[in-house]
Every structure is written in structure tokens, then in C-alpha cells.
Amino acid sequence: MNKDVSTLALFDFVAALSSTIAAFMCGREPNFELLEEEKQELMKFKWDEFLAMTHHSINNKS
């Protein structure tokens, strides 16, 4: 698999995971199941805190 194809596959995976987490955080049915420990971790955050943390993580990615 070349680098461009693997990068695209990674972006697709991250997009699906982000959609699932956002759905869970908003109280909607996610498009695939999260582990119970992932749900417990996410429930520690308010939506605005989660968005700020995600934004910070994306901007500081190396």
C-alpha cells in the first residue's frame, strides 16, 4: 500500500471515529459501538471542553 492510500485510509478511520464520539457526546446513537471505558472517559467532559481539547490536540499534532 502506498503512502497516499494509507494516509487516506487513516483519515477515513479518524473521520468515522470522530463522528462516533461526537454522536455519543451529543446523546445520539453512534455509528459504531464504543467500549464502556471509552464512554466513561468521554462522560467526564462537557461538549465545549471536548471540542477545545480536540482542537488543541489537532493544532499541536507533530
N, C-alpha and C. Protein backbone atom coordinates (compact mmCIF):
# COMPACT_ATOMS: atom_id res chain seq x y z
N MET A 1 0.85 -1.18 0.00
CA MET A 1 0.00 0.00 0.00
C MET A 1 0.90 1.24 0.00
N ASN A 2 0.64 2.17 -0.91
CA ASN A 2 1.49 3.35 -0.93
C ASN A 2 1.06 4.34 0.16
N LYS A 3 1.90 5.32 0.39
CA LYS A 3 1.70 6.27 1.49
C LYS A 3 0.39 7.04 1.33
N ASP A 4 0.05 7.47 0.12
CA ASP A 4 -1.17 8.24 -0.10
C ASP A 4 -2.42 7.43 0.23
N VAL A 5 -2.43 6.16 -0.15
CA VAL A 5 -3.59 5.30 0.12
C VAL A 5 -3.70 5.04 1.62
N SER A 6 -2.57 4.77 2.28
CA SER A 6 -2.64 4.51 3.73
C SER A 6 -3.03 5.76 4.49
N THR A 7 -2.59 6.93 4.04
CA THR A 7 -2.99 8.19 4.67
C THR A 7 -4.48 8.41 4.51
N LEU A 8 -5.02 8.14 3.34
CA LEU A 8 -6.45 8.29 3.10
C LEU A 8 -7.25 7.32 3.96
N ALA A 9 -6.78 6.10 4.10
CA ALA A 9 -7.46 5.12 4.94
C ALA A 9 -7.46 5.58 6.40
N LEU A 10 -6.35 6.15 6.85
CA LEU A 10 -6.28 6.67 8.22
C LEU A 10 -7.25 7.83 8.41
N PHE A 11 -7.33 8.73 7.44
CA PHE A 11 -8.27 9.85 7.54
C PHE A 11 -9.71 9.36 7.58
N ASP A 12 -10.02 8.35 6.79
CA ASP A 12 -11.38 7.77 6.82
C ASP A 12 -11.69 7.18 8.18
N PHE A 13 -10.73 6.47 8.76
CA PHE A 13 -10.93 5.89 10.08
C PHE A 13 -11.13 6.98 11.14
N VAL A 14 -10.29 8.01 11.11
CA VAL A 14 -10.39 9.10 12.08
C VAL A 14 -11.73 9.82 11.92
N ALA A 15 -12.18 10.03 10.70
CA ALA A 15 -13.47 10.68 10.47
C ALA A 15 -14.61 9.85 11.05
N ALA A 16 -14.57 8.55 10.84
CA ALA A 16 -15.62 7.68 11.38
C ALA A 16 -15.59 7.67 12.90
N LEU A 17 -14.40 7.61 13.48
CA LEU A 17 -14.27 7.63 14.93
C LEU A 17 -14.73 8.96 15.50
N SER A 18 -14.37 10.06 14.87
CA SER A 18 -14.80 11.38 15.32
C SER A 18 -16.31 11.50 15.27
N SER A 19 -16.92 10.99 14.23
CA SER A 19 -18.37 11.01 14.10
C SER A 19 -19.03 10.21 15.22
N THR A 20 -18.46 9.06 15.54
CA THR A 20 -18.99 8.22 16.61
C THR A 20 -18.90 8.93 17.96
N ILE A 21 -17.75 9.52 18.23
CA ILE A 21 -17.56 10.23 19.50
C ILE A 21 -18.49 11.43 19.59
N ALA A 22 -18.60 12.20 18.52
CA ALA A 22 -19.49 13.35 18.52
C ALA A 22 -20.94 12.93 18.75
N ALA A 23 -21.36 11.86 18.11
CA ALA A 23 -22.73 11.36 18.31
C ALA A 23 -22.94 10.98 19.77
N PHE A 24 -22.00 10.26 20.36
CA PHE A 24 -22.12 9.87 21.75
C PHE A 24 -22.18 11.09 22.65
N MET A 25 -21.30 12.06 22.42
CA MET A 25 -21.25 13.26 23.25
C MET A 25 -22.54 14.07 23.15
N CYS A 26 -23.24 13.99 22.03
CA CYS A 26 -24.49 14.72 21.83
C CYS A 26 -25.72 13.90 22.21
N GLY A 27 -25.50 12.68 22.69
CA GLY A 27 -26.62 11.84 23.11
C GLY A 27 -27.33 11.13 21.97
N ARG A 28 -26.70 11.08 20.80
CA ARG A 28 -27.28 10.36 19.67
C ARG A 28 -26.67 8.97 19.57
N GLU A 29 -27.31 8.12 18.80
CA GLU A 29 -26.81 6.76 18.59
C GLU A 29 -25.56 6.83 17.71
N PRO A 30 -24.41 6.34 18.22
CA PRO A 30 -23.19 6.36 17.40
C PRO A 30 -23.27 5.36 16.26
N ASN A 31 -22.45 5.61 15.21
CA ASN A 31 -22.47 4.73 14.04
C ASN A 31 -21.72 3.43 14.27
N PHE A 32 -20.92 3.33 15.32
CA PHE A 32 -20.41 2.05 15.78
C PHE A 32 -20.15 2.15 17.27
N GLU A 33 -20.08 1.02 17.93
CA GLU A 33 -20.08 0.95 19.38
C GLU A 33 -18.75 1.37 19.98
N LEU A 34 -18.83 2.15 21.05
CA LEU A 34 -17.65 2.50 21.83
C LEU A 34 -17.53 1.52 22.99
N LEU A 35 -16.31 1.27 23.42
CA LEU A 35 -16.10 0.44 24.60
C LEU A 35 -16.63 1.17 25.83
N GLU A 36 -17.05 0.43 26.83
CA GLU A 36 -17.59 1.05 28.04
C GLU A 36 -16.58 1.99 28.70
N GLU A 37 -15.30 1.62 28.71
CA GLU A 37 -14.30 2.50 29.30
C GLU A 37 -14.13 3.79 28.49
N GLU A 38 -14.30 3.72 27.17
CA GLU A 38 -14.26 4.92 26.34
C GLU A 38 -15.44 5.84 26.66
N LYS A 39 -16.61 5.24 26.84
CA LYS A 39 -17.80 6.02 27.20
C LYS A 39 -17.60 6.71 28.55
N GLN A 40 -17.06 5.98 29.52
CA GLN A 40 -16.82 6.55 30.85
C GLN A 40 -15.86 7.72 30.77
N GLU A 41 -14.81 7.58 29.98
CA GLU A 41 -13.83 8.66 29.81
C GLU A 41 -14.47 9.88 29.16
N LEU A 42 -15.27 9.67 28.13
CA LEU A 42 -15.91 10.78 27.43
C LEU A 42 -16.93 11.50 28.30
N MET A 43 -17.59 10.76 29.19
CA MET A 43 -18.61 11.38 30.04
C MET A 43 -18.02 12.35 31.06
N LYS A 44 -16.71 12.36 31.20
CA LYS A 44 -16.05 13.31 32.10
C LYS A 44 -16.04 14.72 31.54
N PHE A 45 -16.29 14.84 30.23
CA PHE A 45 -16.17 16.13 29.57
C PHE A 45 -17.53 16.71 29.20
N LYS A 46 -17.61 18.04 29.23
CA LYS A 46 -18.74 18.75 28.61
C LYS A 46 -18.38 18.91 27.14
N TRP A 47 -19.39 19.12 26.31
CA TRP A 47 -19.18 19.23 24.87
C TRP A 47 -18.14 20.30 24.53
N ASP A 48 -18.26 21.50 25.12
CA ASP A 48 -17.32 22.58 24.81
C ASP A 48 -15.90 22.23 25.22
N GLU A 49 -15.75 21.54 26.35
CA GLU A 49 -14.43 21.10 26.79
C GLU A 49 -13.85 20.08 25.82
N PHE A 50 -14.70 19.18 25.38
CA PHE A 50 -14.26 18.15 24.43
C PHE A 50 -13.80 18.79 23.12
N LEU A 51 -14.58 19.75 22.61
CA LEU A 51 -14.19 20.43 21.37
C LEU A 51 -12.88 21.19 21.53
N ALA A 52 -12.72 21.87 22.66
CA ALA A 52 -11.49 22.62 22.90
C ALA A 52 -10.29 21.68 22.98
N MET A 53 -10.46 20.56 23.66
CA MET A 53 -9.39 19.58 23.79
C MET A 53 -9.03 19.00 22.42
N THR A 54 -10.05 18.69 21.61
CA THR A 54 -9.82 18.14 20.27
C THR A 54 -9.11 19.16 19.39
N HIS A 55 -9.57 20.40 19.43
CA HIS A 55 -8.97 21.48 18.64
C HIS A 55 -7.51 21.65 19.04
N HIS A 56 -7.23 21.67 20.33
CA HIS A 56 -5.86 21.82 20.82
C HIS A 56 -4.98 20.66 20.34
N SER A 57 -5.51 19.45 20.43
CA SER A 57 -4.76 18.26 20.02
C SER A 57 -4.43 18.31 18.53
N ILE A 58 -5.39 18.72 17.71
CA ILE A 58 -5.17 18.81 16.27
C ILE A 58 -4.13 19.87 15.94
N ASN A 59 -4.23 21.03 16.59
CA ASN A 59 -3.31 22.12 16.30
C ASN A 59 -1.89 21.85 16.77
N ASN A 60 -1.73 20.99 17.77
CA ASN A 60 -0.40 20.71 18.31
C ASN A 60 0.16 19.37 17.88
N LYS A 61 -0.47 18.79 16.85
CA LYS A 61 -0.01 17.50 16.32
C LYS A 61 1.35 17.70 15.66
N SER A 62 2.25 16.77 15.94
CA SER A 62 3.59 16.92 15.33
C SER A 62 3.76 16.00 14.17
